Every structure is written in C-alpha cells, then in structure tokens.
PDB file of N, CA and C in Angstrom:
ATOM      1  N   UNK A   1     158.010  54.910  64.302  1.00  0.00           N
ATOM      2  CA  UNK A   1     158.582  55.436  63.092  1.00  0.00           C
ATOM      3  C   UNK A   1     159.971  54.815  62.914  1.00  0.00           C
ATOM      4  N   UNK A   2     160.250  54.348  61.727  1.00  0.00           N
ATOM      5  CA  UNK A   2     161.554  53.736  61.456  1.00  0.00           C
ATOM      6  C   UNK A   2     162.588  54.814  61.135  1.00  0.00           C
ATOM      7  N   UNK A   3     163.852  54.414  61.144  1.00  0.00           N
ATOM      8  CA  UNK A   3     164.918  55.344  60.767  1.00  0.00           C
ATOM      9  C   UNK A   3     164.719  55.822  59.333  1.00  0.00           C
ATOM     10  N   UNK A   4     164.311  54.913  58.470  1.00  0.00           N
ATOM     11  CA  UNK A   4     164.086  55.272  57.066  1.00  0.00           C
ATOM     12  C   UNK A   4     162.972  56.316  56.948  1.00  0.00           C
ATOM     13  N   UNK A   5     161.865  56.082  57.648  1.00  0.00           N
ATOM     14  CA  UNK A   5     160.744  57.026  57.596  1.00  0.00           C
ATOM     15  C   UNK A   5     161.146  58.398  58.140  1.00  0.00           C
ATOM     16  N   UNK A   6     161.884  58.387  59.243  1.00  0.00           N
ATOM     17  CA  UNK A   6     162.338  59.643  59.829  1.00  0.00           C
ATOM     18  C   UNK A   6     163.279  60.372  58.874  1.00  0.00           C
ATOM     19  N   UNK A   7     164.192  59.627  58.267  1.00  0.00           N
ATOM     20  CA  UNK A   7     165.135  60.220  57.315  1.00  0.00           C
ATOM     21  C   UNK A   7     164.398  60.867  56.148  1.00  0.00           C
ATOM     22  N   UNK A   8     163.416  60.159  55.611  1.00  0.00           N
ATOM     23  CA  UNK A   8     162.641  60.705  54.490  1.00  0.00           C
ATOM     24  C   UNK A   8     161.885  61.962  54.907  1.00  0.00           C
ATOM     25  N   UNK A   9     161.356  61.941  56.108  1.00  0.00           N
ATOM     26  CA  UNK A   9     160.566  63.074  56.605  1.00  0.00           C
ATOM     27  C   UNK A   9     161.407  64.344  56.752  1.00  0.00           C
ATOM     28  N   UNK A  10     162.653  64.185  57.199  1.00  0.00           N
ATOM     29  CA  UNK A  10     163.478  65.379  57.443  1.00  0.00           C
ATOM     30  C   UNK A  10     164.480  65.654  56.324  1.00  0.00           C
ATOM     31  N   UNK A  11     164.548  64.768  55.328  1.00  0.00           N
ATOM     32  CA  UNK A  11     165.394  65.022  54.170  1.00  0.00           C
ATOM     33  C   UNK A  11     166.862  64.692  54.343  1.00  0.00           C
ATOM     34  N   UNK A  12     167.151  63.640  55.106  1.00  0.00           N
ATOM     35  CA  UNK A  12     168.529  63.164  55.245  1.00  0.00           C
ATOM     36  C   UNK A  12     168.558  61.677  54.932  1.00  0.00           C
ATOM     37  N   UNK A  13     169.747  61.099  54.930  1.00  0.00           N
ATOM     38  CA  UNK A  13     169.859  59.670  54.656  1.00  0.00           C
ATOM     39  C   UNK A  13     169.531  58.856  55.907  1.00  0.00           C
ATOM     40  N   UNK A  14     169.186  57.616  55.675  1.00  0.00           N
ATOM     41  CA  UNK A  14     168.916  56.712  56.793  1.00  0.00           C
ATOM     42  C   UNK A  14     170.165  56.546  57.655  1.00  0.00           C
ATOM     43  N   UNK A  15     171.336  56.497  57.024  1.00  0.00           N
ATOM     44  CA  UNK A  15     172.576  56.346  57.798  1.00  0.00           C
ATOM     45  C   UNK A  15     172.839  57.585  58.662  1.00  0.00           C
ATOM     46  N   UNK A  16     172.423  58.763  58.198  1.00  0.00           N
ATOM     47  CA  UNK A  16     172.582  59.968  59.021  1.00  0.00           C
ATOM     48  C   UNK A  16     171.752  59.841  60.295  1.00  0.00           C
ATOM     49  N   UNK A  17     170.513  59.390  60.160  1.00  0.00           N
ATOM     50  CA  UNK A  17     169.654  59.204  61.334  1.00  0.00           C
ATOM     51  C   UNK A  17     170.273  58.171  62.272  1.00  0.00           C
ATOM     52  N   UNK A  18     170.780  57.091  61.717  1.00  0.00           N
ATOM     53  CA  UNK A  18     171.422  56.053  62.533  1.00  0.00           C
ATOM     54  C   UNK A  18     172.608  56.646  63.299  1.00  0.00           C
ATOM     55  N   UNK A  19     173.417  57.447  62.619  1.00  0.00           N
ATOM     56  CA  UNK A  19     174.572  58.072  63.273  1.00  0.00           C
ATOM     57  C   UNK A  19     174.155  59.051  64.363  1.00  0.00           C
ATOM     58  N   UNK A  20     173.046  59.753  64.159  1.00  0.00           N
ATOM     59  CA  UNK A  20     172.529  60.633  65.212  1.00  0.00           C
ATOM     60  C   UNK A  20     172.137  59.804  66.432  1.00  0.00           C
ATOM     61  N   UNK A  21     171.417  58.717  66.197  1.00  0.00           N
ATOM     62  CA  UNK A  21     170.949  57.870  67.307  1.00  0.00           C
ATOM     63  C   UNK A  21     172.104  57.267  68.085  1.00  0.00           C
ATOM     64  N   UNK A  22     173.142  56.862  67.370  1.00  0.00           N
ATOM     65  CA  UNK A  22     174.288  56.223  68.015  1.00  0.00           C
ATOM     66  C   UNK A  22     175.240  57.234  68.653  1.00  0.00           C
ATOM     67  N   UNK A  23     175.029  58.512  68.375  1.00  0.00           N
ATOM     68  CA  UNK A  23     175.892  59.540  68.936  1.00  0.00           C
ATOM     69  C   UNK A  23     177.193  59.734  68.185  1.00  0.00           C
ATOM     70  N   UNK A  24     177.281  59.167  66.981  1.00  0.00           N
ATOM     71  CA  UNK A  24     178.496  59.320  66.177  1.00  0.00           C
ATOM     72  C   UNK A  24     178.567  60.697  65.532  1.00  0.00           C
ATOM     73  N   UNK A  25     177.420  61.266  65.253  1.00  0.00           N
ATOM     74  CA  UNK A  25     177.335  62.586  64.620  1.00  0.00           C
ATOM     75  C   UNK A  25     176.196  63.363  65.266  1.00  0.00           C
ATOM     76  N   UNK A  26     176.280  64.672  65.123  1.00  0.00           N
ATOM     77  CA  UNK A  26     175.214  65.549  65.617  1.00  0.00           C
ATOM     78  C   UNK A  26     174.562  66.248  64.438  1.00  0.00           C
ATOM     79  N   UNK A  27     173.252  66.356  64.442  1.00  0.00           N
ATOM     80  CA  UNK A  27     172.578  67.055  63.341  1.00  0.00           C
ATOM     81  C   UNK A  27     172.899  68.548  63.377  1.00  0.00           C
ATOM     82  N   UNK A  28     172.910  69.163  62.190  1.00  0.00           N
ATOM     83  CA  UNK A  28     173.076  70.617  62.156  1.00  0.00           C
ATOM     84  C   UNK A  28     171.786  71.259  62.671  1.00  0.00           C
ATOM     85  N   UNK A  29     171.792  72.583  62.809  1.00  0.00           N
ATOM     86  CA  UNK A  29     170.635  73.274  63.404  1.00  0.00           C
ATOM     87  C   UNK A  29     169.338  73.002  62.647  1.00  0.00           C
ATOM     88  N   UNK A  30     169.411  73.040  61.321  1.00  0.00           N
ATOM     89  CA  UNK A  30     168.199  72.826  60.520  1.00  0.00           C
ATOM     90  C   UNK A  30     167.673  71.411  60.697  1.00  0.00           C
ATOM     91  N   UNK A  31     168.571  70.427  60.686  1.00  0.00           N
ATOM     92  CA  UNK A  31     168.140  69.039  60.852  1.00  0.00           C
ATOM     93  C   UNK A  31     167.647  68.774  62.269  1.00  0.00           C
ATOM     94  N   UNK A  32     168.271  69.418  63.248  1.00  0.00           N
ATOM     95  CA  UNK A  32     167.812  69.270  64.631  1.00  0.00           C
ATOM     96  C   UNK A  32     166.394  69.813  64.770  1.00  0.00           C
ATOM     97  N   UNK A  33     166.146  70.965  64.174  1.00  0.00           N
ATOM     98  CA  UNK A  33     164.802  71.551  64.220  1.00  0.00           C
ATOM     99  C   UNK A  33     163.791  70.641  63.532  1.00  0.00           C
ATOM    100  N   UNK A  34     164.173  70.072  62.382  1.00  0.00           N
ATOM    101  CA  UNK A  34     163.276  69.168  61.655  1.00  0.00           C
ATOM    102  C   UNK A  34     163.020  67.893  62.451  1.00  0.00           C
ATOM    103  N   UNK A  35     164.058  67.353  63.069  1.00  0.00           N
ATOM    104  CA  UNK A  35     163.898  66.155  63.905  1.00  0.00           C
ATOM    105  C   UNK A  35     162.925  66.430  65.048  1.00  0.00           C
ATOM    106  N   UNK A  36     163.144  67.528  65.750  1.00  0.00           N
ATOM    107  CA  UNK A  36     162.292  67.865  66.891  1.00  0.00           C
ATOM    108  C   UNK A  36     160.843  68.036  66.455  1.00  0.00           C
ATOM    109  N   UNK A  37     160.633  68.743  65.363  1.00  0.00           N
ATOM    110  CA  UNK A  37     159.270  68.968  64.879  1.00  0.00           C
ATOM    111  C   UNK A  37     158.606  67.653  64.497  1.00  0.00           C
ATOM    112  N   UNK A  38     159.332  66.809  63.776  1.00  0.00           N
ATOM    113  CA  UNK A  38     158.780  65.527  63.333  1.00  0.00           C
ATOM    114  C   UNK A  38     158.450  64.617  64.510  1.00  0.00           C
ATOM    115  N   UNK A  39     159.312  64.627  65.521  1.00  0.00           N
ATOM    116  CA  UNK A  39     159.110  63.755  66.681  1.00  0.00           C
ATOM    117  C   UNK A  39     158.197  64.374  67.738  1.00  0.00           C
ATOM    118  N   UNK A  40     157.854  65.653  67.571  1.00  0.00           N
ATOM    119  CA  UNK A  40     156.959  66.309  68.525  1.00  0.00           C
ATOM    120  C   UNK A  40     157.600  66.604  69.864  1.00  0.00           C
ATOM    121  N   UNK A  41     158.903  66.916  69.843  1.00  0.00           N
ATOM    122  CA  UNK A  41     159.629  67.237  71.071  1.00  0.00           C
ATOM    123  C   UNK A  41     160.376  68.551  70.863  1.00  0.00           C
ATOM    124  N   UNK A  42     160.950  69.081  71.925  1.00  0.00           N
ATOM    125  CA  UNK A  42     161.752  70.295  71.796  1.00  0.00           C
ATOM    126  C   UNK A  42     163.143  69.945  71.291  1.00  0.00           C
ATOM    127  N   UNK A  43     163.810  70.916  70.712  1.00  0.00           N
ATOM    128  CA  UNK A  43     165.191  70.703  70.263  1.00  0.00           C
ATOM    129  C   UNK A  43     166.092  70.368  71.447  1.00  0.00           C
ATOM    130  N   UNK A  44     165.837  70.999  72.578  1.00  0.00           N
ATOM    131  CA  UNK A  44     166.643  70.749  73.772  1.00  0.00           C
ATOM    132  C   UNK A  44     166.553  69.298  74.224  1.00  0.00           C
ATOM    133  N   UNK A  45     165.403  68.679  74.006  1.00  0.00           N
ATOM    134  CA  UNK A  45     165.230  67.280  74.408  1.00  0.00           C
ATOM    135  C   UNK A  45     166.120  66.354  73.591  1.00  0.00           C
ATOM    136  N   UNK A  46     166.526  66.797  72.412  1.00  0.00           N
ATOM    137  CA  UNK A  46     167.374  65.982  71.544  1.00  0.00           C
ATOM    138  C   UNK A  46     168.851  66.340  71.670  1.00  0.00           C
ATOM    139  N   UNK A  47     169.153  67.379  72.417  1.00  0.00           N
ATOM    140  CA  UNK A  47     170.530  67.843  72.553  1.00  0.00           C
ATOM    141  C   UNK A  47     171.186  67.207  73.761  1.00  0.00           C
ATOM    142  N   UNK A  48     172.484  67.002  73.657  1.00  0.00           N
ATOM    143  CA  UNK A  48     173.248  66.461  74.771  1.00  0.00           C
ATOM    144  C   UNK A  48     173.513  67.590  75.751  1.00  0.00           C
ATOM    145  N   UNK A  49     172.716  67.647  76.809  1.00  0.00           N
ATOM    146  CA  UNK A  49     172.810  68.762  77.741  1.00  0.00           C
ATOM    147  C   UNK A  49     173.226  68.337  79.142  1.00  0.00           C
ATOM    148  N   UNK A  50     173.121  67.073  79.436  1.00  0.00           N
ATOM    149  CA  UNK A  50     173.284  66.636  80.805  1.00  0.00           C
ATOM    150  C   UNK A  50     174.717  66.398  81.220  1.00  0.00           C
ATOM    151  N   UNK A  51     175.035  66.750  82.451  1.00  0.00           N
ATOM    152  CA  UNK A  51     176.359  66.437  82.983  1.00  0.00           C
ATOM    153  C   UNK A  51     176.446  64.953  83.301  1.00  0.00           C
ATOM    154  N   UNK A  52     177.573  64.379  83.002  1.00  0.00           N
ATOM    155  CA  UNK A  52     177.753  62.942  83.225  1.00  0.00           C
ATOM    156  C   UNK A  52     178.532  62.645  84.499  1.00  0.00           C
ATOM    157  N   UNK A  53     179.093  63.670  85.132  1.00  0.00           N
ATOM    158  CA  UNK A  53     179.884  63.480  86.344  1.00  0.00           C
ATOM    159  C   UNK A  53     179.421  64.482  87.402  1.00  0.00           C
ATOM    160  N   UNK A  54     179.839  64.247  88.634  1.00  0.00           N
ATOM    161  CA  UNK A  54     179.516  65.194  89.704  1.00  0.00           C
ATOM    162  C   UNK A  54     180.117  66.562  89.385  1.00  0.00           C
ATOM    163  N   UNK A  55     181.314  66.583  88.846  1.00  0.00           N
ATOM    164  CA  UNK A  55     181.956  67.857  88.493  1.00  0.00           C
ATOM    165  C   UNK A  55     181.172  68.563  87.391  1.00  0.00           C
ATOM    166  N   UNK A  56     180.700  67.815  86.416  1.00  0.00           N
ATOM    167  CA  UNK A  56     179.898  68.402  85.349  1.00  0.00           C
ATOM    168  C   UNK A  56     178.596  68.976  85.883  1.00  0.00           C
ATOM    169  N   UNK A  57     177.980  68.259  86.813  1.00  0.00           N
ATOM    170  CA  UNK A  57     176.739  68.749  87.428  1.00  0.00           C
ATOM    171  C   UNK A  57     177.012  70.023  88.223  1.00  0.00           C
ATOM    172  N   UNK A  58     178.118  70.037  88.938  1.00  0.00           N
ATOM    173  CA  UNK A  58     178.471  71.211  89.728  1.00  0.00           C
ATOM    174  C   UNK A  58     178.720  72.419  88.830  1.00  0.00           C
ATOM    175  N   UNK A  59     179.392  72.206  87.706  1.00  0.00           N
ATOM    176  CA  UNK A  59     179.633  73.303  86.763  1.00  0.00           C
ATOM    177  C   UNK A  59     178.307  73.863  86.251  1.00  0.00           C
ATOM    178  N   UNK A  60     177.367  72.973  85.972  1.00  0.00           N
ATOM    179  CA  UNK A  60     176.055  73.421  85.519  1.00  0.00           C
ATOM    180  C   UNK A  60     175.355  74.226  86.620  1.00  0.00           C
ATOM    181  N   UNK A  61     175.459  73.785  87.858  1.00  0.00           N
ATOM    182  CA  UNK A  61     174.853  74.512  88.976  1.00  0.00           C
ATOM    183  C   UNK A  61     175.510  75.877  89.171  1.00  0.00           C
ATOM    184  N   UNK A  62     176.835  75.954  88.996  1.00  0.00           N
ATOM    185  CA  UNK A  62     177.525  77.243  89.096  1.00  0.00           C
ATOM    186  C   UNK A  62     176.971  78.225  88.068  1.00  0.00           C
ATOM    187  N   UNK A  63     176.772  77.750  86.858  1.00  0.00           N
ATOM    188  CA  UNK A  63     176.243  78.614  85.795  1.00  0.00           C
ATOM    189  C   UNK A  63     174.805  79.039  86.100  1.00  0.00           C
ATOM    190  N   UNK A  64     174.041  78.110  86.663  1.00  0.00           N
ATOM    191  CA  UNK A  64     172.659  78.435  87.026  1.00  0.00           C
ATOM    192  C   UNK A  64     172.634  79.451  88.167  1.00  0.00           C
ATOM    193  N   UNK A  65     173.603  79.366  89.060  1.00  0.00           N
ATOM    194  CA  UNK A  65     173.713  80.363  90.131  1.00  0.00           C
ATOM    195  C   UNK A  65     173.938  81.748  89.523  1.00  0.00           C
ATOM    196  N   UNK A  66     174.854  81.827  88.582  1.00  0.00           N
ATOM    197  CA  UNK A  66     175.199  83.111  87.966  1.00  0.00           C
ATOM    198  C   UNK A  66     174.078  83.667  87.095  1.00  0.00           C
ATOM    199  N   UNK A  67     173.398  82.804  86.366  1.00  0.00           N
ATOM    200  CA  UNK A  67     172.443  83.263  85.354  1.00  0.00           C
ATOM    201  C   UNK A  67     170.976  83.211  85.763  1.00  0.00           C
ATOM    202  N   UNK A  68     170.635  82.359  86.735  1.00  0.00           N
ATOM    203  CA  UNK A  68     169.225  82.138  87.049  1.00  0.00           C
ATOM    204  C   UNK A  68     168.875  82.318  88.521  1.00  0.00           C
ATOM    205  N   UNK A  69     169.847  82.730  89.326  1.00  0.00           N
ATOM    206  CA  UNK A  69     169.551  82.979  90.729  1.00  0.00           C
ATOM    207  C   UNK A  69     169.482  81.739  91.602  1.00  0.00           C
ATOM    208  N   UNK A  70     170.080  80.657  91.153  1.00  0.00           N
ATOM    209  CA  UNK A  70     170.078  79.433  91.949  1.00  0.00           C
ATOM    210  C   UNK A  70     170.899  79.646  93.214  1.00  0.00           C
ATOM    211  N   UNK A  71     170.417  79.127  94.336  1.00  0.00           N
ATOM    212  CA  UNK A  71     171.186  79.220  95.575  1.00  0.00           C
ATOM    213  C   UNK A  71     170.964  77.959  96.398  1.00  0.00           C
ATOM    214  N   UNK A  72     171.932  77.654  97.236  1.00  0.00           N
ATOM    215  CA  UNK A  72     171.839  76.492  98.116  1.00  0.00           C
ATOM    216  C   UNK A  72     171.230  76.908  99.446  1.00  0.00           C
ATOM    217  N   UNK A  73     170.406  76.027  99.995  1.00  0.00           N
ATOM    218  CA  UNK A  73     169.754  76.273 101.277  1.00  0.00           C
ATOM    219  C   UNK A  73     169.982  75.045 102.151  1.00  0.00           C
ATOM    220  N   UNK A  74     170.474  75.269 103.366  1.00  0.00           N
ATOM    221  CA  UNK A  74     170.653  74.175 104.317  1.00  0.00           C
ATOM    222  C   UNK A  74     169.344  74.001 105.075  1.00  0.00           C
ATOM    223  N   UNK A  75     168.693  72.853 104.895  1.00  0.00           N
ATOM    224  CA  UNK A  75     167.391  72.610 105.524  1.00  0.00           C
ATOM    225  C   UNK A  75     167.509  72.014 106.918  1.00  0.00           C
ATOM    226  N   UNK A  76     168.720  71.698 107.333  1.00  0.00           N
ATOM    227  CA  UNK A  76     168.909  71.007 108.598  1.00  0.00           C
ATOM    228  C   UNK A  76     168.902  69.502 108.417  1.00  0.00           C
ATOM    229  N   UNK A  77     168.324  69.044 107.324  1.00  0.00           N
ATOM    230  CA  UNK A  77     168.310  67.615 107.003  1.00  0.00           C
ATOM    231  C   UNK A  77     169.084  67.333 105.720  1.00  0.00           C
ATOM    232  N   UNK A  78     169.637  68.358 105.158  1.00  0.00           N
ATOM    233  CA  UNK A  78     170.377  68.238 103.910  1.00  0.00           C
ATOM    234  C   UNK A  78     170.345  69.557 103.170  1.00  0.00           C
ATOM    235  N   UNK A  79     170.828  69.532 101.963  1.00  0.00           N
ATOM    236  CA  UNK A  79     170.844  70.739 101.145  1.00  0.00           C
ATOM    237  C   UNK A  79     169.703  70.712 100.149  1.00  0.00           C
ATOM    238  N   UNK A  80     169.174  71.876  99.874  1.00  0.00           N
ATOM    239  CA  UNK A  80     168.131  72.039  98.862  1.00  0.00           C
ATOM    240  C   UNK A  80     168.554  73.182  97.950  1.00  0.00           C
ATOM    241  N   UNK A  81     167.918  73.244  96.812  1.00  0.00           N
ATOM    242  CA  UNK A  81     168.196  74.313  95.867  1.00  0.00           C
ATOM    243  C   UNK A  81     166.978  75.222  95.814  1.00  0.00           C
ATOM    244  N   UNK A  82     167.222  76.519  95.874  1.00  0.00           N
ATOM    245  CA  UNK A  82     166.149  77.509  95.804  1.00  0.00           C
ATOM    246  C   UNK A  82     166.501  78.528  94.723  1.00  0.00           C
ATOM    247  N   UNK A  83     165.532  79.340  94.364  1.00  0.00           N
ATOM    248  CA  UNK A  83     165.729  80.377  93.361  1.00  0.00           C
ATOM    249  C   UNK A  83     165.569  81.733  94.037  1.00  0.00           C
ATOM    250  N   UNK A  84     166.566  82.589  93.867  1.00  0.00           N
ATOM    251  CA  UNK A  84     166.532  83.941  94.422  1.00  0.00           C
ATOM    252  C   UNK A  84     165.705  84.820  93.492  1.00  0.00           C
ATOM    253  N   UNK A  85     164.512  85.258  93.917  1.00  0.00           N
ATOM    254  CA  UNK A  85     163.635  86.024  93.030  1.00  0.00           C
ATOM    255  C   UNK A  85     164.165  87.409  92.673  1.00  0.00           C
ATOM    256  N   UNK A  86     165.189  87.882  93.374  1.00  0.00           N
ATOM    257  CA  UNK A  86     165.726  89.210  93.071  1.00  0.00           C
ATOM    258  C   UNK A  86     166.688  89.197  91.880  1.00  0.00           C
ATOM    259  N   UNK A  87     167.077  88.018  91.422  1.00  0.00           N
ATOM    260  CA  UNK A  87     168.004  87.912  90.293  1.00  0.00           C
ATOM    261  C   UNK A  87     167.224  87.988  88.984  1.00  0.00           C
ATOM    262  N   UNK A  88     167.686  88.863  88.092  1.00  0.00           N
ATOM    263  CA  UNK A  88     167.027  89.021  86.795  1.00  0.00           C
ATOM    264  C   UNK A  88     167.007  87.683  86.052  1.00  0.00           C
ATOM    265  N   UNK A  89     165.862  87.315  85.532  1.00  0.00           N
ATOM    266  CA  UNK A  89     165.710  86.061  84.799  1.00  0.00           C
ATOM    267  C   UNK A  89     165.268  84.893  85.660  1.00  0.00           C
ATOM    268  N   UNK A  90     165.275  85.084  86.973  1.00  0.00           N
ATOM    269  CA  UNK A  90     164.939  83.968  87.856  1.00  0.00           C
ATOM    270  C   UNK A  90     163.448  83.651  87.877  1.00  0.00           C
ATOM    271  N   UNK A  91     162.609  84.611  87.538  1.00  0.00           N
ATOM    272  CA  UNK A  91     161.165  84.398  87.620  1.00  0.00           C
ATOM    273  C   UNK A  91     160.708  83.308  86.653  1.00  0.00           C
ATOM    274  N   UNK A  92     161.204  83.355  85.432  1.00  0.00           N
ATOM    275  CA  UNK A  92     160.820  82.340  84.445  1.00  0.00           C
ATOM    276  C   UNK A  92     161.328  80.962  84.874  1.00  0.00           C
ATOM    277  N   UNK A  93     162.542  80.919  85.401  1.00  0.00           N
ATOM    278  CA  UNK A  93     163.110  79.669  85.885  1.00  0.00           C
ATOM    279  C   UNK A  93     162.267  79.115  87.029  1.00  0.00           C
ATOM    280  N   UNK A  94     161.865  79.983  87.944  1.00  0.00           N
ATOM    281  CA  UNK A  94     161.038  79.576  89.075  1.00  0.00           C
ATOM    282  C   UNK A  94     159.699  79.015  88.602  1.00  0.00           C
ATOM    283  N   UNK A  95     159.085  79.656  87.622  1.00  0.00           N
ATOM    284  CA  UNK A  95     157.813  79.168  87.071  1.00  0.00           C
ATOM    285  C   UNK A  95     157.987  77.789  86.433  1.00  0.00           C
ATOM    286  N   UNK A  96     159.100  77.595  85.733  1.00  0.00           N
ATOM    287  CA  UNK A  96     159.361  76.296  85.103  1.00  0.00           C
ATOM    288  C   UNK A  96     159.533  75.209  86.162  1.00  0.00           C
ATOM    289  N   UNK A  97     160.232  75.534  87.243  1.00  0.00           N
ATOM    290  CA  UNK A  97     160.408  74.564  88.325  1.00  0.00           C
ATOM    291  C   UNK A  97     159.071  74.215  88.976  1.00  0.00           C
ATOM    292  N   UNK A  98     158.204  75.206  89.130  1.00  0.00           N
ATOM    293  CA  UNK A  98     156.879  74.954  89.714  1.00  0.00           C
ATOM    294  C   UNK A  98     156.044  74.048  88.811  1.00  0.00           C
ATOM    295  N   UNK A  99     156.133  74.260  87.505  1.00  0.00           N
ATOM    296  CA  UNK A  99     155.413  73.393  86.561  1.00  0.00           C
ATOM    297  C   UNK A  99     155.932  71.966  86.661  1.00  0.00           C
ATOM    298  N   UNK A 100     157.240  71.815  86.771  1.00  0.00           N
ATOM    299  CA  UNK A 100     157.851  70.490  86.905  1.00  0.00           C
ATOM    300  C   UNK A 100     157.366  69.823  88.193  1.00  0.00           C
ATOM    301  N   UNK A 101     157.344  70.577  89.283  1.00  0.00           N
ATOM    302  CA  UNK A 101     156.897  70.001  90.556  1.00  0.00           C
ATOM    303  C   UNK A 101     155.451  69.525  90.476  1.00  0.00           C
ATOM    304  N   UNK A 102     154.589  70.311  89.818  1.00  0.00           N
ATOM    305  CA  UNK A 102     153.190  69.891  89.680  1.00  0.00           C
ATOM    306  C   UNK A 102     153.097  68.559  88.936  1.00  0.00           C
ATOM    307  N   UNK A 103     153.858  68.410  87.866  1.00  0.00           N
ATOM    308  CA  UNK A 103     153.829  67.155  87.099  1.00  0.00           C
ATOM    309  C   UNK A 103     154.403  66.006  87.913  1.00  0.00           C
ATOM    310  N   UNK A 104     155.496  66.258  88.615  1.00  0.00           N
ATOM    311  CA  UNK A 104     156.117  65.212  89.431  1.00  0.00           C
ATOM    312  C   UNK A 104     155.169  64.784  90.554  1.00  0.00           C
ATOM    313  N   UNK A 105     154.494  65.740  91.165  1.00  0.00           N
ATOM    314  CA  UNK A 105     153.515  65.418  92.209  1.00  0.00           C
ATOM    315  C   UNK A 105     152.375  64.573  91.641  1.00  0.00           C
ATOM    316  N   UNK A 106     151.907  64.919  90.437  1.00  0.00           N
ATOM    317  CA  UNK A 106     150.833  64.152  89.796  1.00  0.00           C
ATOM    318  C   UNK A 106     151.294  62.729  89.504  1.00  0.00           C
ATOM    319  N   UNK A 107     152.538  62.581  89.078  1.00  0.00           N
ATOM    320  CA  UNK A 107     153.094  61.248  88.826  1.00  0.00           C
ATOM    321  C   UNK A 107     153.126  60.433  90.119  1.00  0.00           C
ATOM    322  N   UNK A 108     153.644  61.030  91.173  1.00  0.00           N
ATOM    323  CA  UNK A 108     153.777  60.320  92.449  1.00  0.00           C
ATOM    324  C   UNK A 108     152.423  60.010  93.082  1.00  0.00           C
ATOM    325  N   UNK A 109     151.409  60.809  92.778  1.00  0.00           N
ATOM    326  CA  UNK A 109     150.059  60.565  93.298  1.00  0.00           C
ATOM    327  C   UNK A 109     149.306  59.533  92.462  1.00  0.00           C
ATOM    328  N   UNK A 110     149.893  59.132  91.341  1.00  0.00           N
ATOM    329  CA  UNK A 110     149.234  58.168  90.468  1.00  0.00           C
ATOM    330  C   UNK A 110     148.264  58.796  89.489  1.00  0.00           C
ATOM    331  N   UNK A 111     148.265  60.116  89.401  1.00  0.00           N
ATOM    332  CA  UNK A 111     147.363  60.823  88.488  1.00  0.00           C
ATOM    333  C   UNK A 111     147.951  60.988  87.091  1.00  0.00           C
ATOM    334  N   UNK A 112     149.206  60.622  86.921  1.00  0.00           N
ATOM    335  CA  UNK A 112     149.905  60.763  85.647  1.00  0.00           C
ATOM    336  C   UNK A 112     150.762  59.522  85.442  1.00  0.00           C
ATOM    337  N   UNK A 113     150.718  58.958  84.253  1.00  0.00           N
ATOM    338  CA  UNK A 113     151.526  57.767  83.984  1.00  0.00           C
ATOM    339  C   UNK A 113     152.981  58.160  83.757  1.00  0.00           C
ATOM    340  N   UNK A 114     153.866  57.207  83.919  1.00  0.00           N
ATOM    341  CA  UNK A 114     155.288  57.436  83.659  1.00  0.00           C
ATOM    342  C   UNK A 114     155.504  57.866  82.210  1.00  0.00           C
ATOM    343  N   UNK A 115     154.780  57.240  81.287  1.00  0.00           N
ATOM    344  CA  UNK A 115     154.912  57.588  79.863  1.00  0.00           C
ATOM    345  C   UNK A 115     154.465  59.030  79.614  1.00  0.00           C
ATOM    346  N   UNK A 116     153.363  59.442  80.239  1.00  0.00           N
ATOM    347  CA  UNK A 116     152.887  60.816  80.068  1.00  0.00           C
ATOM    348  C   UNK A 116     153.852  61.819  80.702  1.00  0.00           C
ATOM    349  N   UNK A 117     154.441  61.431  81.816  1.00  0.00           N
ATOM    350  CA  UNK A 117     155.424  62.299  82.476  1.00  0.00           C
ATOM    351  C   UNK A 117     156.651  62.486  81.584  1.00  0.00           C
ATOM    352  N   UNK A 118     157.144  61.391  81.021  1.00  0.00           N
ATOM    353  CA  UNK A 118     158.306  61.471  80.124  1.00  0.00           C
ATOM    354  C   UNK A 118     157.972  62.290  78.882  1.00  0.00           C
ATOM    355  N   UNK A 119     156.778  62.112  78.341  1.00  0.00           N
ATOM    356  CA  UNK A 119     156.359  62.887  77.170  1.00  0.00           C
ATOM    357  C   UNK A 119     156.281  64.372  77.518  1.00  0.00           C
ATOM    358  N   UNK A 120     155.783  64.685  78.698  1.00  0.00           N
ATOM    359  CA  UNK A 120     155.721  66.084  79.127  1.00  0.00           C
ATOM    360  C   UNK A 120     157.128  66.676  79.203  1.00  0.00           C
ATOM    361  N   UNK A 121     158.073  65.934  79.785  1.00  0.00           N
ATOM    362  CA  UNK A 121     159.442  66.443  79.900  1.00  0.00           C
ATOM    363  C   UNK A 121     160.046  66.710  78.528  1.00  0.00           C
ATOM    364  N   UNK A 122     159.786  65.826  77.577  1.00  0.00           N
ATOM    365  CA  UNK A 122     160.344  65.996  76.237  1.00  0.00           C
ATOM    366  C   UNK A 122     159.747  67.186  75.500  1.00  0.00           C
ATOM    367  N   UNK A 123     158.500  67.507  75.792  1.00  0.00           N
ATOM    368  CA  UNK A 123     157.829  68.578  75.048  1.00  0.00           C
ATOM    369  C   UNK A 123     157.775  69.907  75.803  1.00  0.00           C
ATOM    370  N   UNK A 124     158.214  69.921  77.054  1.00  0.00           N
ATOM    371  CA  UNK A 124     158.120  71.136  77.868  1.00  0.00           C
ATOM    372  C   UNK A 124     158.975  72.252  77.281  1.00  0.00           C
ATOM    373  N   UNK A 125     158.367  73.396  77.088  1.00  0.00           N
ATOM    374  CA  UNK A 125     159.069  74.524  76.481  1.00  0.00           C
ATOM    375  C   UNK A 125     159.460  75.593  77.500  1.00  0.00           C
ATOM    376  N   UNK A 126     158.961  75.496  78.710  1.00  0.00           N
ATOM    377  CA  UNK A 126     159.329  76.378  79.801  1.00  0.00           C
ATOM    378  C   UNK A 126     159.516  77.771  79.415  1.00  0.00           C
TER     379      UNK A 126
END
C-alpha cells in the first residue's frame, strides 16, 4: 500500500502519512485507530512504546513491577523475570507472556516463519 492509498483510506493527506512514518508528527487518536485498522495491526504496534536506553528499559520494568507483579529471580546463571501471581492484574500479563513464549518456541523450532512471527507480534491484543 502506498502512502497516497493509505492517506485516502484514513482521510488524511499524503504528507501527513509521510510525517507519521518519518516520526515528525504523531497521529491523533482517531487517525491512529484508522491507521491500525487499515493496516491490520493494533494501535500499540504503531505507538512509540519502547525504551531506547538501559535507563528507559529499567523505568519500564519498575512500572511493570508495580502494576503487573514483575519480579527478578536469580537463577544462579543470571537473572530472569517472573510474574508474581498474587499481584492483582498479573494473571492477564502472565497469560500474554505464555502466548508469546509459545510463538517464540514455534519460531525457533522452524514451525513459524519470521514474517508470521512479526505479524503475530503486530496483531497481538493480549
């Protein structure tokens, strides 16, 4: 799909789509929803959510600890992340992680292509 086609589909200008792609501008909520629907992905997949630094990643983990029951576990060979099932809201997070692991295992076993794995990540609604 071209930028022009996408713009026509969601009702914005071609330059607006170009600016979204380049990161110069962010779509408003309505346009983000239209983009996600048109592209067949979740809104979160189009949002800038990822930490770019170790400190940013750590801040995200701190929030996940507070809100989702994330905890660190020393395995003796390194650190791992686990979910404390006694924390309210952690069950849904745990289920989402299990779904991710199943897909990752299928990818590593050769049962899922890289393209299908990436498509799953973009469309996963957890």
